[in-house]
Amino acid sequence: MSALTPLGLNLSGLITQIISFVILFTILYKLLYQPVINMLDQRSAKIKDNLDAAEKAKQDIASSEQSIQDSLLAAKQERQQMIIEAKEAAAKFREEEMNKAKSDIEAEWIKARSEIQREKDAAIDEVRRNFAGLVITAAEKVIDTSLDDKSHGEVIEKVLKKSI
Protein backbone atom coordinates (compact mmCIF):
# COMPACT_ATOMS: atom_id res chain seq x y z
CA MET A 1 0.00 0.00 0.00
CA SER A 2 1.66 3.11 0.74
CA ALA A 3 4.18 4.56 3.01
CA LEU A 4 1.45 6.05 5.15
CA THR A 5 0.16 2.75 6.41
CA PRO A 6 3.01 2.16 8.89
CA LEU A 7 2.07 5.49 10.44
CA GLY A 8 -1.48 4.32 10.84
CA LEU A 9 -2.88 6.49 8.13
CA ASN A 10 -5.18 5.36 5.50
CA LEU A 11 -4.91 7.20 2.17
CA SER A 12 -8.57 7.05 1.36
CA GLY A 13 -9.41 8.20 4.89
CA LEU A 14 -6.88 10.98 4.60
CA ILE A 15 -8.28 12.17 1.29
CA THR A 16 -11.78 11.99 2.71
CA GLN A 17 -10.72 14.00 5.71
CA ILE A 18 -8.90 16.57 3.50
CA ILE A 19 -11.98 16.89 1.26
CA SER A 20 -14.20 17.14 4.36
CA PHE A 21 -11.86 19.77 5.81
CA VAL A 22 -11.86 21.79 2.57
CA ILE A 23 -15.67 21.59 2.35
CA LEU A 24 -16.04 22.49 6.00
CA PHE A 25 -13.50 25.32 5.59
CA THR A 26 -15.33 26.62 2.50
CA ILE A 27 -18.71 26.45 4.26
CA LEU A 28 -17.34 28.13 7.37
CA TYR A 29 -15.58 30.73 5.23
CA LYS A 30 -18.76 31.51 3.28
CA LEU A 31 -21.25 31.28 6.13
CA LEU A 32 -19.25 32.44 9.11
CA TYR A 33 -15.95 34.11 8.26
CA GLN A 34 -17.17 36.49 5.51
CA PRO A 35 -20.24 37.70 7.47
CA VAL A 36 -18.07 38.24 10.54
CA ILE A 37 -15.47 40.11 8.48
CA ASN A 38 -18.25 42.14 6.78
CA MET A 39 -19.78 42.90 10.16
CA LEU A 40 -16.37 43.95 11.52
CA ASP A 41 -15.76 46.09 8.40
CA GLN A 42 -19.18 47.71 8.83
CA ARG A 43 -18.47 48.26 12.51
CA SER A 44 -15.08 49.74 11.65
CA ALA A 45 -16.69 52.01 9.03
CA LYS A 46 -19.36 53.06 11.53
CA ILE A 47 -16.72 53.84 14.15
CA LYS A 48 -14.75 55.80 11.55
CA ASP A 49 -17.90 57.72 10.55
CA ASN A 50 -18.63 58.44 14.23
CA LEU A 51 -15.04 59.66 14.75
CA ASP A 52 -15.34 61.85 11.65
CA ALA A 53 -18.68 63.21 12.92
CA ALA A 54 -17.12 63.87 16.33
CA GLU A 55 -14.20 65.69 14.70
CA LYS A 56 -16.62 67.71 12.56
CA ALA A 57 -18.69 68.53 15.67
CA LYS A 58 -15.49 69.56 17.44
CA GLN A 59 -14.61 71.86 14.54
CA ASP A 60 -18.17 73.23 14.49
CA ILE A 61 -17.95 73.94 18.21
CA ALA A 62 -14.62 75.68 17.73
CA SER A 63 -16.03 77.82 14.90
CA SER A 64 -19.14 78.52 16.98
CA GLU A 65 -16.98 79.59 19.91
CA GLN A 66 -15.01 81.87 17.58
CA SER A 67 -18.25 83.26 16.19
CA ILE A 68 -19.54 83.89 19.71
CA GLN A 69 -16.25 85.57 20.65
CA ASP A 70 -16.49 87.75 17.54
CA SER A 71 -20.10 88.63 18.37
CA LEU A 72 -19.15 89.49 21.95
CA LEU A 73 -16.29 91.66 20.74
CA ALA A 74 -18.58 93.41 18.24
CA ALA A 75 -21.20 93.95 20.96
CA LYS A 76 -18.54 95.33 23.30
CA GLN A 77 -17.29 97.72 20.62
CA GLU A 78 -20.85 98.78 19.84
CA ARG A 79 -21.49 99.38 23.54
CA GLN A 80 -18.32 101.49 23.80
CA GLN A 81 -19.40 103.46 20.72
CA MET A 82 -22.84 104.04 22.24
CA ILE A 83 -21.24 105.25 25.49
CA ILE A 84 -19.01 107.65 23.54
CA GLU A 85 -21.97 108.94 21.54
CA ALA A 86 -24.03 109.39 24.70
CA LYS A 87 -21.21 111.31 26.36
CA GLU A 88 -20.83 113.49 23.27
CA ALA A 89 -24.59 114.11 23.14
CA ALA A 90 -24.61 115.00 26.86
CA ALA A 91 -21.67 117.38 26.40
CA LYS A 92 -23.34 118.97 23.39
CA PHE A 93 -26.63 119.32 25.28
CA ARG A 94 -24.83 120.80 28.28
CA GLU A 95 -22.97 123.26 26.02
CA GLU A 96 -26.20 124.24 24.25
CA GLU A 97 -27.94 124.76 27.59
CA MET A 98 -25.01 126.81 28.88
CA ASN A 99 -25.06 128.96 25.74
CA LYS A 100 -28.83 129.36 26.05
CA ALA A 101 -28.50 130.33 29.71
CA LYS A 102 -25.72 132.82 28.88
CA SER A 103 -27.86 134.23 26.09
CA ASP A 104 -30.85 134.55 28.42
CA ILE A 105 -28.74 136.22 31.11
CA GLU A 106 -27.24 138.58 28.55
CA ALA A 107 -30.69 139.47 27.21
CA GLU A 108 -31.94 140.11 30.75
CA TRP A 109 -28.87 142.23 31.46
CA ILE A 110 -29.42 144.28 28.30
CA LYS A 111 -33.09 144.62 29.14
CA ALA A 112 -32.23 145.76 32.68
CA ARG A 113 -29.68 148.27 31.39
CA SER A 114 -32.18 149.70 28.93
CA GLU A 115 -34.81 149.83 31.69
CA ILE A 116 -32.34 151.64 33.97
CA GLN A 117 -31.41 154.04 31.17
CA ARG A 118 -35.09 154.69 30.43
CA GLU A 119 -35.82 155.35 34.11
CA LYS A 120 -32.74 157.57 34.32
CA ASP A 121 -33.88 159.56 31.28
CA ALA A 122 -37.39 159.83 32.74
CA ALA A 123 -35.94 161.05 36.05
CA ILE A 124 -33.78 163.62 34.27
CA ASP A 125 -36.82 164.84 32.31
CA GLU A 126 -38.80 165.03 35.54
CA VAL A 127 -36.01 167.02 37.20
CA ARG A 128 -35.80 169.32 34.17
CA ARG A 129 -39.53 169.93 34.27
CA ASN A 130 -39.50 170.61 37.98
CA PHE A 131 -36.29 172.59 37.73
CA ALA A 132 -37.74 174.82 35.02
CA GLY A 133 -40.70 175.65 37.24
CA LEU A 134 -38.43 176.34 40.19
CA VAL A 135 -36.15 178.53 38.09
CA ILE A 136 -39.09 180.56 36.82
CA THR A 137 -40.42 181.02 40.32
CA ALA A 138 -36.99 182.01 41.56
CA ALA A 139 -36.46 184.34 38.60
CA GLU A 140 -39.83 186.00 39.16
CA LYS A 141 -38.96 186.61 42.76
CA VAL A 142 -35.52 187.92 41.85
CA ILE A 143 -36.74 190.03 38.98
CA ASP A 144 -40.03 190.59 40.70
CA THR A 145 -41.83 190.49 37.41
CA SER A 146 -43.68 187.95 35.40
CA LEU A 147 -42.10 186.56 32.25
CA ASP A 148 -43.91 185.81 29.06
CA ASP A 149 -43.54 182.45 27.29
CA LYS A 150 -40.72 183.57 25.03
CA SER A 151 -38.69 185.09 27.85
CA HIS A 152 -39.54 182.09 30.00
CA GLY A 153 -38.06 179.68 27.39
CA GLU A 154 -34.90 181.72 27.01
CA VAL A 155 -34.28 181.78 30.77
CA ILE A 156 -34.80 178.01 31.01
CA GLU A 157 -32.37 177.33 28.19
CA LYS A 158 -29.70 179.57 29.75
CA VAL A 159 -30.06 177.89 33.13
CA LEU A 160 -29.99 174.39 31.66
CA LYS A 161 -26.90 175.16 29.58
CA LYS A 162 -25.10 176.46 32.64
CA SER A 163 -26.12 173.54 34.85
CA ILE A 164 -25.23 170.86 32.32
C-alpha atoms as a PDB file:
ATOM      1  CA  MET A   1       0.000   0.000   0.000  1.00  0.00           C
ATOM      2  CA  SER A   2       1.658   3.108   0.737  1.00  0.00           C
ATOM      3  CA  ALA A   3       4.176   4.562   3.008  1.00  0.00           C
ATOM      4  CA  LEU A   4       1.450   6.048   5.150  1.00  0.00           C
ATOM      5  CA  THR A   5       0.163   2.755   6.415  1.00  0.00           C
ATOM      6  CA  PRO A   6       3.012   2.160   8.886  1.00  0.00           C
ATOM      7  CA  LEU A   7       2.066   5.493  10.439  1.00  0.00           C
ATOM      8  CA  GLY A   8      -1.478   4.319  10.845  1.00  0.00           C
ATOM      9  CA  LEU A   9      -2.878   6.488   8.126  1.00  0.00           C
ATOM     10  CA  ASN A  10      -5.185   5.359   5.497  1.00  0.00           C
ATOM     11  CA  LEU A  11      -4.905   7.198   2.173  1.00  0.00           C
ATOM     12  CA  SER A  12      -8.572   7.047   1.357  1.00  0.00           C
ATOM     13  CA  GLY A  13      -9.409   8.202   4.889  1.00  0.00           C
ATOM     14  CA  LEU A  14      -6.883  10.980   4.601  1.00  0.00           C
ATOM     15  CA  ILE A  15      -8.280  12.168   1.286  1.00  0.00           C
ATOM     16  CA  THR A  16     -11.779  11.991   2.706  1.00  0.00           C
ATOM     17  CA  GLN A  17     -10.716  13.999   5.712  1.00  0.00           C
ATOM     18  CA  ILE A  18      -8.905  16.567   3.503  1.00  0.00           C
ATOM     19  CA  ILE A  19     -11.976  16.891   1.265  1.00  0.00           C
ATOM     20  CA  SER A  20     -14.203  17.135   4.360  1.00  0.00           C
ATOM     21  CA  PHE A  21     -11.859  19.766   5.814  1.00  0.00           C
ATOM     22  CA  VAL A  22     -11.859  21.793   2.568  1.00  0.00           C
ATOM     23  CA  ILE A  23     -15.670  21.586   2.346  1.00  0.00           C
ATOM     24  CA  LEU A  24     -16.043  22.489   6.004  1.00  0.00           C
ATOM     25  CA  PHE A  25     -13.497  25.320   5.588  1.00  0.00           C
ATOM     26  CA  THR A  26     -15.329  26.616   2.499  1.00  0.00           C
ATOM     27  CA  ILE A  27     -18.712  26.448   4.256  1.00  0.00           C
ATOM     28  CA  LEU A  28     -17.342  28.129   7.370  1.00  0.00           C
ATOM     29  CA  TYR A  29     -15.577  30.726   5.230  1.00  0.00           C
ATOM     30  CA  LYS A  30     -18.756  31.507   3.284  1.00  0.00           C
ATOM     31  CA  LEU A  31     -21.250  31.281   6.132  1.00  0.00           C
ATOM     32  CA  LEU A  32     -19.246  32.437   9.109  1.00  0.00           C
ATOM     33  CA  TYR A  33     -15.954  34.112   8.263  1.00  0.00           C
ATOM     34  CA  GLN A  34     -17.173  36.485   5.507  1.00  0.00           C
ATOM     35  CA  PRO A  35     -20.245  37.704   7.467  1.00  0.00           C
ATOM     36  CA  VAL A  36     -18.073  38.244  10.544  1.00  0.00           C
ATOM     37  CA  ILE A  37     -15.472  40.114   8.481  1.00  0.00           C
ATOM     38  CA  ASN A  38     -18.248  42.139   6.777  1.00  0.00           C
ATOM     39  CA  MET A  39     -19.780  42.897  10.165  1.00  0.00           C
ATOM     40  CA  LEU A  40     -16.370  43.946  11.520  1.00  0.00           C
ATOM     41  CA  ASP A  41     -15.764  46.092   8.396  1.00  0.00           C
ATOM     42  CA  GLN A  42     -19.180  47.709   8.833  1.00  0.00           C
ATOM     43  CA  ARG A  43     -18.467  48.263  12.512  1.00  0.00           C
ATOM     44  CA  SER A  44     -15.084  49.736  11.649  1.00  0.00           C
ATOM     45  CA  ALA A  45     -16.691  52.014   9.029  1.00  0.00           C
ATOM     46  CA  LYS A  46     -19.361  53.062  11.529  1.00  0.00           C
ATOM     47  CA  ILE A  47     -16.719  53.843  14.149  1.00  0.00           C
ATOM     48  CA  LYS A  48     -14.748  55.797  11.550  1.00  0.00           C
ATOM     49  CA  ASP A  49     -17.898  57.716  10.553  1.00  0.00           C
ATOM     50  CA  ASN A  50     -18.629  58.443  14.228  1.00  0.00           C
ATOM     51  CA  LEU A  51     -15.044  59.656  14.746  1.00  0.00           C
ATOM     52  CA  ASP A  52     -15.336  61.850  11.650  1.00  0.00           C
ATOM     53  CA  ALA A  53     -18.675  63.210  12.921  1.00  0.00           C
ATOM     54  CA  ALA A  54     -17.118  63.866  16.332  1.00  0.00           C
ATOM     55  CA  GLU A  55     -14.204  65.686  14.702  1.00  0.00           C
ATOM     56  CA  LYS A  56     -16.622  67.713  12.564  1.00  0.00           C
ATOM     57  CA  ALA A  57     -18.689  68.533  15.671  1.00  0.00           C
ATOM     58  CA  LYS A  58     -15.489  69.563  17.445  1.00  0.00           C
ATOM     59  CA  GLN A  59     -14.609  71.861  14.541  1.00  0.00           C
ATOM     60  CA  ASP A  60     -18.173  73.233  14.487  1.00  0.00           C
ATOM     61  CA  ILE A  61     -17.954  73.941  18.208  1.00  0.00           C
ATOM     62  CA  ALA A  62     -14.616  75.681  17.725  1.00  0.00           C
ATOM     63  CA  SER A  63     -16.026  77.820  14.903  1.00  0.00           C
ATOM     64  CA  SER A  64     -19.141  78.524  16.981  1.00  0.00           C
ATOM     65  CA  GLU A  65     -16.977  79.591  19.905  1.00  0.00           C
ATOM     66  CA  GLN A  66     -15.015  81.874  17.582  1.00  0.00           C
ATOM     67  CA  SER A  67     -18.255  83.260  16.186  1.00  0.00           C
ATOM     68  CA  ILE A  68     -19.536  83.888  19.714  1.00  0.00           C
ATOM     69  CA  GLN A  69     -16.251  85.568  20.652  1.00  0.00           C
ATOM     70  CA  ASP A  70     -16.489  87.754  17.540  1.00  0.00           C
ATOM     71  CA  SER A  71     -20.097  88.625  18.369  1.00  0.00           C
ATOM     72  CA  LEU A  72     -19.155  89.489  21.948  1.00  0.00           C
ATOM     73  CA  LEU A  73     -16.293  91.656  20.735  1.00  0.00           C
ATOM     74  CA  ALA A  74     -18.581  93.410  18.242  1.00  0.00           C
ATOM     75  CA  ALA A  75     -21.200  93.953  20.962  1.00  0.00           C
ATOM     76  CA  LYS A  76     -18.542  95.331  23.303  1.00  0.00           C
ATOM     77  CA  GLN A  77     -17.289  97.719  20.624  1.00  0.00           C
ATOM     78  CA  GLU A  78     -20.854  98.777  19.837  1.00  0.00           C
ATOM     79  CA  ARG A  79     -21.487  99.383  23.543  1.00  0.00           C
ATOM     80  CA  GLN A  80     -18.320 101.486  23.795  1.00  0.00           C
ATOM     81  CA  GLN A  81     -19.396 103.463  20.716  1.00  0.00           C
ATOM     82  CA  MET A  82     -22.844 104.040  22.241  1.00  0.00           C
ATOM     83  CA  ILE A  83     -21.237 105.254  25.486  1.00  0.00           C
ATOM     84  CA  ILE A  84     -19.006 107.653  23.539  1.00  0.00           C
ATOM     85  CA  GLU A  85     -21.972 108.936  21.536  1.00  0.00           C
ATOM     86  CA  ALA A  86     -24.034 109.388  24.701  1.00  0.00           C
ATOM     87  CA  LYS A  87     -21.208 111.313  26.356  1.00  0.00           C
ATOM     88  CA  GLU A  88     -20.828 113.492  23.266  1.00  0.00           C
ATOM     89  CA  ALA A  89     -24.590 114.113  23.145  1.00  0.00           C
ATOM     90  CA  ALA A  90     -24.607 115.005  26.857  1.00  0.00           C
ATOM     91  CA  ALA A  91     -21.665 117.381  26.399  1.00  0.00           C
ATOM     92  CA  LYS A  92     -23.344 118.975  23.385  1.00  0.00           C
ATOM     93  CA  PHE A  93     -26.631 119.320  25.275  1.00  0.00           C
ATOM     94  CA  ARG A  94     -24.828 120.804  28.279  1.00  0.00           C
ATOM     95  CA  GLU A  95     -22.970 123.263  26.024  1.00  0.00           C
ATOM     96  CA  GLU A  96     -26.203 124.244  24.251  1.00  0.00           C
ATOM     97  CA  GLU A  97     -27.942 124.763  27.588  1.00  0.00           C
ATOM     98  CA  MET A  98     -25.010 126.815  28.884  1.00  0.00           C
ATOM     99  CA  ASN A  99     -25.062 128.963  25.743  1.00  0.00           C
ATOM    100  CA  LYS A 100     -28.830 129.360  26.046  1.00  0.00           C
ATOM    101  CA  ALA A 101     -28.496 130.330  29.712  1.00  0.00           C
ATOM    102  CA  LYS A 102     -25.723 132.816  28.876  1.00  0.00           C
ATOM    103  CA  SER A 103     -27.856 134.229  26.092  1.00  0.00           C
ATOM    104  CA  ASP A 104     -30.853 134.549  28.416  1.00  0.00           C
ATOM    105  CA  ILE A 105     -28.737 136.221  31.111  1.00  0.00           C
ATOM    106  CA  GLU A 106     -27.235 138.581  28.551  1.00  0.00           C
ATOM    107  CA  ALA A 107     -30.688 139.469  27.209  1.00  0.00           C
ATOM    108  CA  GLU A 108     -31.936 140.109  30.748  1.00  0.00           C
ATOM    109  CA  TRP A 109     -28.866 142.229  31.465  1.00  0.00           C
ATOM    110  CA  ILE A 110     -29.415 144.281  28.296  1.00  0.00           C
ATOM    111  CA  LYS A 111     -33.089 144.621  29.141  1.00  0.00           C
ATOM    112  CA  ALA A 112     -32.233 145.761  32.680  1.00  0.00           C
ATOM    113  CA  ARG A 113     -29.683 148.269  31.386  1.00  0.00           C
ATOM    114  CA  SER A 114     -32.183 149.704  28.930  1.00  0.00           C
ATOM    115  CA  GLU A 115     -34.808 149.832  31.689  1.00  0.00           C
ATOM    116  CA  ILE A 116     -32.340 151.638  33.972  1.00  0.00           C
ATOM    117  CA  GLN A 117     -31.410 154.038  31.168  1.00  0.00           C
ATOM    118  CA  ARG A 118     -35.092 154.695  30.432  1.00  0.00           C
ATOM    119  CA  GLU A 119     -35.824 155.354  34.111  1.00  0.00           C
ATOM    120  CA  LYS A 120     -32.736 157.570  34.321  1.00  0.00           C
ATOM    121  CA  ASP A 121     -33.881 159.562  31.278  1.00  0.00           C
ATOM    122  CA  ALA A 122     -37.387 159.833  32.740  1.00  0.00           C
ATOM    123  CA  ALA A 123     -35.939 161.053  36.045  1.00  0.00           C
ATOM    124  CA  ILE A 124     -33.783 163.617  34.267  1.00  0.00           C
ATOM    125  CA  ASP A 125     -36.820 164.835  32.307  1.00  0.00           C
ATOM    126  CA  GLU A 126     -38.795 165.034  35.544  1.00  0.00           C
ATOM    127  CA  VAL A 127     -36.005 167.020  37.200  1.00  0.00           C
ATOM    128  CA  ARG A 128     -35.797 169.321  34.175  1.00  0.00           C
ATOM    129  CA  ARG A 129     -39.530 169.928  34.268  1.00  0.00           C
ATOM    130  CA  ASN A 130     -39.496 170.615  37.985  1.00  0.00           C
ATOM    131  CA  PHE A 131     -36.290 172.586  37.729  1.00  0.00           C
ATOM    132  CA  ALA A 132     -37.739 174.817  35.019  1.00  0.00           C
ATOM    133  CA  GLY A 133     -40.703 175.655  37.243  1.00  0.00           C
ATOM    134  CA  LEU A 134     -38.434 176.339  40.193  1.00  0.00           C
ATOM    135  CA  VAL A 135     -36.152 178.526  38.091  1.00  0.00           C
ATOM    136  CA  ILE A 136     -39.087 180.556  36.820  1.00  0.00           C
ATOM    137  CA  THR A 137     -40.418 181.017  40.319  1.00  0.00           C
ATOM    138  CA  ALA A 138     -36.992 182.009  41.560  1.00  0.00           C
ATOM    139  CA  ALA A 139     -36.464 184.335  38.603  1.00  0.00           C
ATOM    140  CA  GLU A 140     -39.833 186.003  39.160  1.00  0.00           C
ATOM    141  CA  LYS A 141     -38.957 186.613  42.757  1.00  0.00           C
ATOM    142  CA  VAL A 142     -35.519 187.917  41.847  1.00  0.00           C
ATOM    143  CA  ILE A 143     -36.739 190.033  38.983  1.00  0.00           C
ATOM    144  CA  ASP A 144     -40.030 190.592  40.700  1.00  0.00           C
ATOM    145  CA  THR A 145     -41.828 190.487  37.411  1.00  0.00           C
ATOM    146  CA  SER A 146     -43.678 187.947  35.396  1.00  0.00           C
ATOM    147  CA  LEU A 147     -42.098 186.557  32.251  1.00  0.00           C
ATOM    148  CA  ASP A 148     -43.908 185.814  29.056  1.00  0.00           C
ATOM    149  CA  ASP A 149     -43.543 182.453  27.293  1.00  0.00           C
ATOM    150  CA  LYS A 150     -40.716 183.572  25.028  1.00  0.00           C
ATOM    151  CA  SER A 151     -38.689 185.091  27.854  1.00  0.00           C
ATOM    152  CA  HIS A 152     -39.540 182.093  29.998  1.00  0.00           C
ATOM    153  CA  GLY A 153     -38.059 179.677  27.392  1.00  0.00           C
ATOM    154  CA  GLU A 154     -34.897 181.720  27.009  1.00  0.00           C
ATOM    155  CA  VAL A 155     -34.284 181.779  30.771  1.00  0.00           C
ATOM    156  CA  ILE A 156     -34.804 178.014  31.009  1.00  0.00           C
ATOM    157  CA  GLU A 157     -32.375 177.331  28.186  1.00  0.00           C
ATOM    158  CA  LYS A 158     -29.697 179.567  29.754  1.00  0.00           C
ATOM    159  CA  VAL A 159     -30.056 177.894  33.132  1.00  0.00           C
ATOM    160  CA  LEU A 160     -29.994 174.387  31.657  1.00  0.00           C
ATOM    161  CA  LYS A 161     -26.896 175.161  29.578  1.00  0.00           C
ATOM    162  CA  LYS A 162     -25.098 176.461  32.641  1.00  0.00           C
ATOM    163  CA  SER A 163     -26.117 173.542  34.852  1.00  0.00           C
ATOM    164  CA  ILE A 164     -25.227 170.856  32.321  1.00  0.00           C
END
